[in-house]
Protein backbone atom coordinates (compact mmCIF):
# COMPACT_ATOMS: atom_id res chain seq x y z
CA MET A 1 11.50 -22.32 -11.46
CA LYS A 2 8.09 -22.76 -9.85
CA ILE A 3 6.78 -19.76 -7.91
CA ALA A 4 3.80 -19.69 -5.55
CA VAL A 5 2.28 -16.27 -4.87
CA ILE A 6 0.08 -16.31 -1.76
CA GLY A 7 -2.13 -13.32 -0.98
CA PRO A 8 -5.09 -11.19 -2.04
CA VAL A 9 -5.71 -10.47 -5.73
CA PRO A 10 -8.75 -9.00 -7.52
CA PRO A 11 -11.66 -8.93 -7.04
CA PHE A 12 -10.34 -7.93 -3.61
CA ARG A 13 -9.93 -4.21 -3.98
CA SER A 14 -7.09 -3.20 -1.69
CA GLY A 15 -3.80 -1.78 -2.83
CA ILE A 16 -2.20 -4.99 -1.56
CA ALA A 17 -4.42 -7.03 -3.90
CA ARG A 18 -3.45 -4.86 -6.84
CA HIS A 19 0.21 -5.11 -5.86
CA THR A 20 0.13 -8.90 -5.47
CA ALA A 21 -1.57 -9.39 -8.84
CA ALA A 22 0.85 -7.08 -10.65
CA LEU A 23 3.85 -8.81 -9.08
CA ALA A 24 2.50 -12.25 -10.02
CA ASP A 25 2.15 -11.12 -13.64
CA ALA A 26 5.70 -9.74 -13.71
CA LEU A 27 7.11 -12.92 -12.15
CA ARG A 28 5.82 -15.01 -15.05
CA ALA A 29 8.92 -13.93 -16.97
CA HIS A 30 10.97 -15.86 -14.42
CA GLY A 31 9.09 -19.12 -14.08
CA ASP A 32 5.84 -21.00 -13.66
CA VAL A 33 3.66 -18.86 -11.38
CA LYS A 34 0.57 -20.01 -9.50
CA VAL A 35 -1.49 -17.71 -7.28
CA TYR A 36 -3.28 -18.85 -4.12
CA SER A 37 -5.70 -16.31 -2.70
CA PHE A 38 -8.50 -15.89 -0.20
CA ALA A 39 -11.99 -17.27 -0.41
CA ARG A 40 -12.64 -14.92 2.52
CA GLN A 41 -10.19 -12.23 3.57
CA TYR A 42 -12.01 -10.44 6.38
CA PRO A 43 -15.28 -11.27 8.13
CA LYS A 44 -17.81 -8.50 7.60
CA PHE A 45 -17.82 -7.32 11.21
CA LEU A 46 -14.07 -6.61 11.05
CA PHE A 47 -14.14 -4.67 7.78
CA PRO A 48 -15.35 -1.09 8.34
CA GLY A 49 -15.99 -0.39 4.67
CA GLU A 50 -18.84 -1.38 2.43
CA SER A 51 -17.05 -4.43 1.03
CA ASP A 52 -13.53 -5.70 0.52
CA LYS A 53 -14.38 -6.79 -3.03
CA ASP A 54 -14.97 -4.85 -6.24
CA THR A 55 -17.91 -6.63 -7.85
CA SER A 56 -17.10 -5.00 -11.21
CA ALA A 57 -13.54 -6.34 -11.27
CA PRO A 58 -12.78 -9.63 -13.03
CA THR A 59 -11.45 -12.46 -10.92
CA SER A 60 -7.79 -13.30 -11.32
CA ASP A 61 -6.32 -16.58 -12.49
CA ALA A 62 -5.94 -17.85 -8.94
CA ASP A 63 -6.97 -20.62 -6.59
CA TYR A 64 -9.19 -18.88 -4.03
CA CYS A 65 -8.64 -21.56 -1.41
CA ILE A 66 -7.78 -19.78 1.84
CA ASP A 67 -10.33 -18.69 4.47
CA THR A 68 -8.56 -16.52 7.03
CA VAL A 69 -11.00 -17.47 9.81
CA ASN A 70 -11.00 -21.21 9.11
CA PRO A 71 -7.72 -22.88 10.14
CA PHE A 72 -8.76 -26.12 8.41
CA SER A 73 -8.50 -24.24 5.10
CA TRP A 74 -4.94 -23.16 5.99
CA HIS A 75 -3.80 -26.75 6.30
CA LYS A 76 -5.64 -27.68 3.13
CA ALA A 77 -3.95 -24.79 1.31
CA VAL A 78 -0.54 -26.12 2.34
CA LYS A 79 -1.39 -29.47 0.76
CA THR A 80 -2.66 -27.75 -2.39
CA ILE A 81 0.42 -25.58 -2.73
CA MET A 82 2.83 -28.44 -2.07
CA GLY A 83 1.00 -30.48 -4.69
CA ASP A 84 2.33 -27.98 -7.22
CA ALA A 85 5.88 -28.31 -5.80
CA PRO A 86 6.98 -24.65 -5.75
CA ASP A 87 10.60 -23.65 -5.29
CA ILE A 88 9.71 -20.21 -3.91
CA ALA A 89 6.65 -18.75 -2.17
CA ILE A 90 6.03 -15.00 -2.25
CA VAL A 91 3.91 -13.87 0.70
CA PRO A 92 2.92 -10.24 1.44
CA ALA A 93 2.90 -8.93 5.02
CA TRP A 94 0.67 -5.95 5.74
CA THR A 95 -1.89 -6.47 8.53
CA PHE A 96 -2.24 -8.36 11.78
CA PHE A 97 -5.53 -10.05 10.93
CA VAL A 98 -4.24 -12.28 8.13
CA ALA A 99 -0.85 -12.78 9.81
CA PRO A 100 -1.70 -15.98 11.76
CA CYS A 101 -3.04 -17.59 8.59
CA LEU A 102 -0.09 -16.59 6.41
CA SER A 103 2.41 -17.37 9.19
CA LEU A 104 1.24 -20.95 9.51
CA ILE A 105 1.19 -21.49 5.75
CA ALA A 106 4.66 -19.95 5.34
CA ALA A 107 6.09 -21.98 8.24
CA ALA A 108 4.69 -25.23 6.86
CA LEU A 109 6.03 -24.52 3.37
CA ARG A 110 9.42 -23.54 4.71
CA ARG A 111 9.67 -26.77 6.68
CA ARG A 112 9.08 -28.63 3.43
CA GLY A 113 11.93 -26.90 1.64
CA VAL A 114 10.15 -23.96 -0.02
CA ARG A 115 12.03 -20.67 0.17
CA ILE A 116 9.82 -17.92 1.62
CA VAL A 117 10.12 -14.35 0.37
CA SER A 118 8.05 -11.82 2.30
CA VAL A 119 7.04 -8.60 0.54
CA VAL A 120 6.67 -6.39 3.61
CA HIS A 121 4.30 -3.44 3.26
CA ASN A 122 3.99 -2.79 7.02
CA ALA A 123 6.07 -4.02 9.94
CA ALA A 124 3.73 -2.65 12.61
CA ASP A 125 0.04 -1.89 12.91
CA HIS A 126 -0.58 1.81 12.25
CA GLU A 127 -3.20 2.40 14.93
CA GLY A 128 -3.70 -0.84 16.79
CA ALA A 129 -2.69 -2.46 20.04
CA PRO A 130 0.80 -3.92 20.53
CA TRP A 131 -0.54 -7.46 20.21
CA LYS A 132 -1.63 -6.68 16.66
CA THR A 133 1.85 -5.54 15.76
CA TRP A 134 3.25 -8.67 17.41
CA LEU A 135 1.10 -10.93 15.22
CA LEU A 136 2.28 -9.17 12.07
CA GLN A 137 5.89 -9.39 13.16
CA GLN A 138 5.61 -13.12 13.74
CA GLN A 139 4.69 -13.51 10.08
CA ILE A 140 7.72 -11.48 9.00
CA ALA A 141 9.89 -13.78 11.13
CA GLN A 142 8.95 -16.74 8.92
CA ALA A 143 10.73 -15.37 5.84
CA SER A 144 14.18 -16.34 4.61
CA GLY A 145 14.15 -13.35 2.26
CA ILE A 146 12.45 -9.98 2.65
CA ILE A 147 11.88 -7.19 0.16
CA THR A 148 10.45 -3.78 1.00
CA HIS A 149 9.83 -0.52 -0.84
CA THR A 150 11.66 1.74 1.62
CA ASP A 151 14.85 1.77 3.67
CA THR A 152 12.73 2.56 6.74
CA LEU A 153 10.86 -0.72 6.44
CA ALA A 154 14.03 -2.61 5.64
CA ASN A 155 15.65 -1.34 8.83
CA ALA A 156 12.59 -2.36 10.85
CA CYS A 157 12.66 -5.82 9.30
CA ARG A 158 16.34 -6.28 10.13
CA LYS A 159 15.45 -5.96 13.81
CA LEU A 160 12.65 -8.52 13.48
CA ASN A 161 14.41 -11.12 11.36
CA ARG A 162 18.20 -10.94 11.53
CA ALA A 163 18.66 -14.16 9.54
CA ALA A 164 16.75 -13.03 6.46
CA LYS A 165 18.31 -11.55 3.34
CA ILE A 166 16.72 -8.11 2.87
CA ALA A 167 16.43 -6.03 -0.30
CA VAL A 168 14.85 -2.66 -1.08
CA SER A 169 13.13 -1.71 -4.32
CA PRO A 170 10.84 1.31 -4.88
CA HIS A 171 7.10 0.79 -5.29
CA PRO A 172 6.42 0.26 -9.02
CA LEU A 173 3.78 2.16 -10.97
CA PHE A 174 0.39 0.54 -11.35
CA THR A 175 -1.36 0.58 -14.70
CA TYR A 176 -4.32 2.95 -14.57
CA PRO A 177 -6.74 4.03 -17.30
CA PRO A 178 -6.35 7.39 -19.03
CA ALA A 179 -8.60 10.20 -17.87
CA SER A 180 -11.34 11.72 -20.01
CA GLY A 181 -11.21 15.13 -18.36
CA THR A 182 -14.83 14.97 -17.27
CA LEU A 183 -14.42 16.78 -13.93
CA LYS A 184 -14.70 20.55 -14.08
CA ARG A 185 -12.04 22.61 -12.32
CA ARG A 186 -13.33 24.67 -9.40
CA ALA A 187 -10.28 26.74 -8.43
CA SER A 188 -6.85 27.79 -9.66
CA LEU A 189 -5.27 25.22 -7.30
CA GLU A 190 -6.89 21.79 -7.11
CA LEU A 191 -5.77 19.51 -4.27
CA LEU A 192 -6.47 15.81 -3.88
CA MET A 193 -6.20 13.49 -0.88
CA PHE A 194 -6.84 9.96 -2.12
CA GLY A 195 -7.23 6.52 -0.56
CA LEU A 196 -8.70 4.93 2.54
CA VAL A 197 -9.31 7.62 5.16
CA ARG A 198 -7.84 6.55 8.48
CA PRO A 199 -6.74 8.71 11.45
CA TYR A 200 -3.01 8.24 10.86
CA LYS A 201 -3.31 9.76 7.39
CA GLY A 202 -3.86 13.25 8.77
CA ALA A 203 -6.98 14.51 6.98
CA ASP A 204 -7.63 16.66 10.05
CA ILE A 205 -4.24 18.35 9.64
CA LEU A 206 -5.06 19.11 6.01
CA VAL A 207 -8.41 20.66 6.94
CA ASP A 208 -6.73 22.80 9.61
CA ALA A 209 -4.13 23.86 7.03
CA LEU A 210 -6.80 24.94 4.56
CA ALA A 211 -8.39 27.05 7.27
CA ARG A 212 -5.10 29.01 7.25
CA CYS A 213 -5.28 29.53 3.46
CA LYS A 214 -8.17 31.98 3.42
CA ASN A 215 -6.84 34.09 0.55
CA VAL A 216 -5.80 31.17 -1.67
CA ASP A 217 -8.07 30.16 -4.54
CA LEU A 218 -8.15 26.42 -3.95
CA HIS A 219 -10.41 23.43 -3.65
CA LEU A 220 -9.73 20.06 -2.00
CA SER A 221 -11.22 16.65 -2.80
CA ILE A 222 -10.92 13.93 -0.14
CA VAL A 223 -11.67 10.74 -2.03
CA GLY A 224 -11.81 7.39 -0.27
CA GLU A 225 -13.73 5.14 2.03
CA PHE A 226 -13.70 6.08 5.72
CA TRP A 227 -12.80 3.40 8.23
CA SER A 228 -13.57 5.84 11.03
CA GLY A 229 -13.84 9.54 11.77
CA GLU A 230 -16.06 10.78 8.94
CA ARG A 231 -18.49 12.53 11.27
CA GLU A 232 -15.65 14.20 13.15
CA LEU A 233 -13.95 15.36 9.95
CA ARG A 234 -17.16 16.84 8.58
CA ALA A 235 -17.68 18.64 11.88
CA LEU A 236 -14.14 20.06 11.67
CA ILE A 237 -14.77 21.26 8.10
CA LYS A 238 -17.99 22.92 9.23
CA SER A 239 -16.31 24.58 12.21
CA HIS A 240 -13.82 26.20 9.82
CA HIS A 241 -16.59 27.17 7.36
CA LEU A 242 -14.87 25.23 4.58
CA GLU A 243 -17.88 23.37 3.20
CA ASP A 244 -17.64 25.24 -0.11
CA ARG A 245 -13.91 24.49 -0.51
CA ILE A 246 -13.71 20.83 0.53
CA GLU A 247 -15.47 17.97 -1.24
CA ILE A 248 -15.69 14.55 0.40
CA ILE A 249 -16.29 11.43 -1.67
CA PRO A 250 -16.62 8.88 1.18
CA ARG A 251 -16.56 5.65 -0.81
CA TYR A 252 -14.41 3.31 -2.79
CA VAL A 253 -13.66 4.77 -6.22
CA ALA A 254 -12.96 2.43 -9.13
CA ASP A 255 -10.05 3.06 -11.48
CA ASP A 256 -11.95 4.89 -14.23
CA GLU A 257 -13.38 7.38 -11.75
CA ALA A 258 -10.10 7.68 -9.83
CA ALA A 259 -8.41 8.70 -13.09
CA GLU A 260 -10.66 11.75 -13.31
CA TYR A 261 -9.83 12.93 -9.79
CA PHE A 262 -6.09 12.59 -10.39
CA ASP A 263 -6.42 14.30 -13.77
CA ARG A 264 -8.14 17.34 -12.26
CA ALA A 265 -5.71 17.63 -9.35
CA ASP A 266 -2.70 19.90 -9.45
CA ILE A 267 -1.12 18.38 -6.33
CA VAL A 268 -1.74 15.17 -4.40
CA VAL A 269 -1.49 15.89 -0.66
CA LEU A 270 -0.53 13.18 1.85
CA PRO A 271 -0.32 14.77 5.33
CA TYR A 272 0.29 11.48 7.16
CA HIS A 273 1.24 11.32 10.83
CA ASN A 274 3.24 8.14 10.16
CA VAL A 275 3.95 5.99 7.13
CA THR A 276 6.08 3.05 6.03
CA GLY A 277 5.17 3.46 2.36
CA SER A 278 2.26 4.50 0.20
CA GLY A 279 0.74 3.16 -2.98
CA VAL A 280 -0.83 6.56 -3.64
CA VAL A 281 2.51 8.15 -4.54
CA PRO A 282 3.09 5.90 -7.59
CA VAL A 283 -0.49 6.55 -8.72
CA ALA A 284 0.14 10.29 -8.52
CA PHE A 285 3.34 9.87 -10.52
CA HIS A 286 1.50 7.77 -13.10
CA TYR A 287 -0.71 10.80 -13.75
CA ARG A 288 2.36 13.08 -13.57
CA LYS A 289 1.19 14.86 -10.44
CA ALA A 290 3.56 16.25 -7.83
CA VAL A 291 3.08 15.14 -4.22
CA LEU A 292 3.02 17.31 -1.10
CA ALA A 293 3.68 14.93 1.79
CA SER A 294 4.78 14.80 5.39
CA ASP A 295 8.53 14.71 5.87
CA LEU A 296 8.67 11.08 6.95
CA GLU A 297 11.23 8.43 6.07
CA GLY A 298 8.58 6.38 4.30
CA PHE A 299 8.08 9.20 1.79
CA ARG A 300 11.64 10.47 1.33
CA ASP A 301 12.72 7.85 -1.20
CA LEU A 302 10.09 8.96 -3.72
CA VAL A 303 8.92 12.44 -2.71
CA ARG A 304 12.14 14.31 -3.36
CA GLU A 305 12.18 18.00 -2.57
CA ASN A 306 11.62 20.18 -5.65
CA ILE A 307 12.16 17.13 -7.90
CA THR A 308 9.00 15.03 -7.52
CA GLY A 309 7.24 17.01 -4.81
CA TRP A 310 7.61 18.79 -1.51
CA ARG A 311 7.74 17.70 2.13
CA VAL A 312 6.61 19.44 5.30
CA ALA A 313 6.83 18.68 9.02
CA PRO A 314 4.22 16.07 9.97
CA GLY A 315 1.35 17.13 12.21
CA ASP A 316 1.99 20.85 11.57
CA PRO A 317 -0.95 22.62 9.87
CA ASP A 318 0.99 25.90 9.71
CA ALA A 319 3.85 24.30 7.77
CA LEU A 320 1.39 22.57 5.46
CA ALA A 321 -0.54 25.80 4.91
CA ASN A 322 2.66 27.67 4.09
CA ALA A 323 3.63 25.01 1.54
CA ILE A 324 0.21 25.24 -0.11
CA LYS A 325 0.43 29.03 -0.19
CA ALA A 326 3.90 28.82 -1.76
CA ARG A 327 2.67 26.49 -4.49
CA SER A 328 -0.17 28.90 -5.24
CA ALA A 329 2.00 32.02 -5.17
CA ASN A 330 4.78 30.46 -7.27
CA ASN A 331 2.32 28.79 -9.65
CA ASP A 332 4.68 25.80 -9.68
CA ALA A 333 2.30 22.87 -9.16
CA HIS A 334 3.19 21.52 -12.62
CA SER A 335 6.87 22.45 -12.58
CA LEU A 336 8.23 19.02 -11.62
CA THR A 337 7.21 16.98 -14.65
CA ASP A 338 10.79 16.20 -15.68
CA GLY A 339 11.68 14.91 -12.22
CA ILE A 340 8.54 12.79 -12.06
CA ASP A 341 9.22 11.39 -15.54
CA ALA A 342 12.73 10.39 -14.46
CA ALA A 343 11.39 8.72 -11.31
CA CYS A 344 8.81 6.79 -13.32
CA GLU A 345 11.50 5.22 -15.49
CA THR A 346 12.85 3.32 -12.47
CA LEU A 347 9.47 2.20 -11.09
CA SER A 348 8.66 -0.80 -13.28
CA TRP A 349 7.17 -4.15 -12.31
CA PRO A 350 9.78 -6.14 -14.29
CA THR A 351 12.50 -4.40 -12.25
CA PHE A 352 10.74 -5.20 -9.00
CA ALA A 353 10.13 -8.82 -10.04
CA ARG A 354 13.84 -9.23 -10.85
CA ARG A 355 14.72 -7.99 -7.38
CA VAL A 356 12.23 -10.36 -5.74
CA VAL A 357 13.78 -13.29 -7.61
CA GLY A 358 17.21 -11.97 -6.71
CA ALA A 359 16.23 -11.86 -3.04
CA ALA A 360 15.16 -15.51 -3.28
CA ALA A 361 18.40 -16.51 -4.99
CA ALA A 362 20.47 -14.78 -2.30
CA MET A 363 18.80 -16.64 0.56
CA SER A 364 20.65 -18.81 2.96
CA PHE A 365 17.80 -21.25 3.41
CA SER A 366 17.25 -22.73 6.86
CA ASN A 367 14.79 -25.19 8.31
CA THR A 368 14.81 -23.41 11.65
CA LYS A 369 11.58 -23.99 13.52
CA SER A 370 9.14 -21.16 13.99
CA GLU A 371 8.86 -19.72 17.49
CA PHE A 372 5.24 -18.78 16.83
CA PHE A 373 3.64 -21.86 15.34
CA ASN A 374 4.44 -25.47 15.92
CA ILE A 375 5.05 -26.21 12.28
CA ASN A 376 5.02 -29.94 12.97
CA GLN A 377 1.27 -29.51 13.39
CA ALA A 378 0.86 -28.09 9.87
CA THR A 379 -0.26 -30.76 7.46
């Protein structure tokens, strides 16, 4: 079987790039895999961070042939991919900006007999306008098979694409380097919030919660690049007089350094306002850290109460503060190792790859025309 994987891979430094590369590697056990990635993923003015590439990361074994802002490259990519005659194309769906590009490519491949499997990470834009969500959903509509990491996303996809075969498989564990233990502990309870800092992730709720934990010996590290709101968050920390209890590392952190922050942490805290899934949870589990997260459907599959972590009402700093106080009083931050170990046994890339291939095999393939793109115009 010939498999085309279309999406970002290193040196692009997003969780989606890491996910796509890991899946491509696991799929090699099932056939001949070729990866087609971006020459340019985002134009600079649309990417709030310093860069969308990790200059220290090696490039992957991929054809970096797609420019998301150059439609001529999309048509050329279709020709390149069809020249390799794939049976299946695996295409991630996660953001509105790349959706037009990936929609056209998927529609053109589908018209030519290639089965399209969409790995859906998001079915709606977290903070954007409805038109952004619409663009993303048009990409999802191109798939004949869909696989997600949560039942919540699967249910959303069923409403968007009733003809597709849909499967659910938990987010596998990434491979991360071991920690050296170089970071000194600063309190009896070390908390970590990790990943891109965006408003929907609730860093403000966590700061407000810590303001209610005055008698708890704790320290929080917020580690990740800000897309917006850094000034406001620092002002909130200052207003609560928490400067000596909250550390902000406002930048992208490479794997070796990330390992040290997870190693020092007792609990990884994810106080999101909304979520469809999170790559941070498997990273926490990799380092055998319990997770304290908002009680949202996107977390419930992995963050199981008193087994792999704890959940609290979203948007409620009092509930979050009480949970933190309970962990401190009970001294139970490291009490869930057995549950986390058991969860980790099911979160493998070979398992996920088998389910992706299974989703492709279960498809009822159709040449139905896209309602979004005129696929007859795709060359």
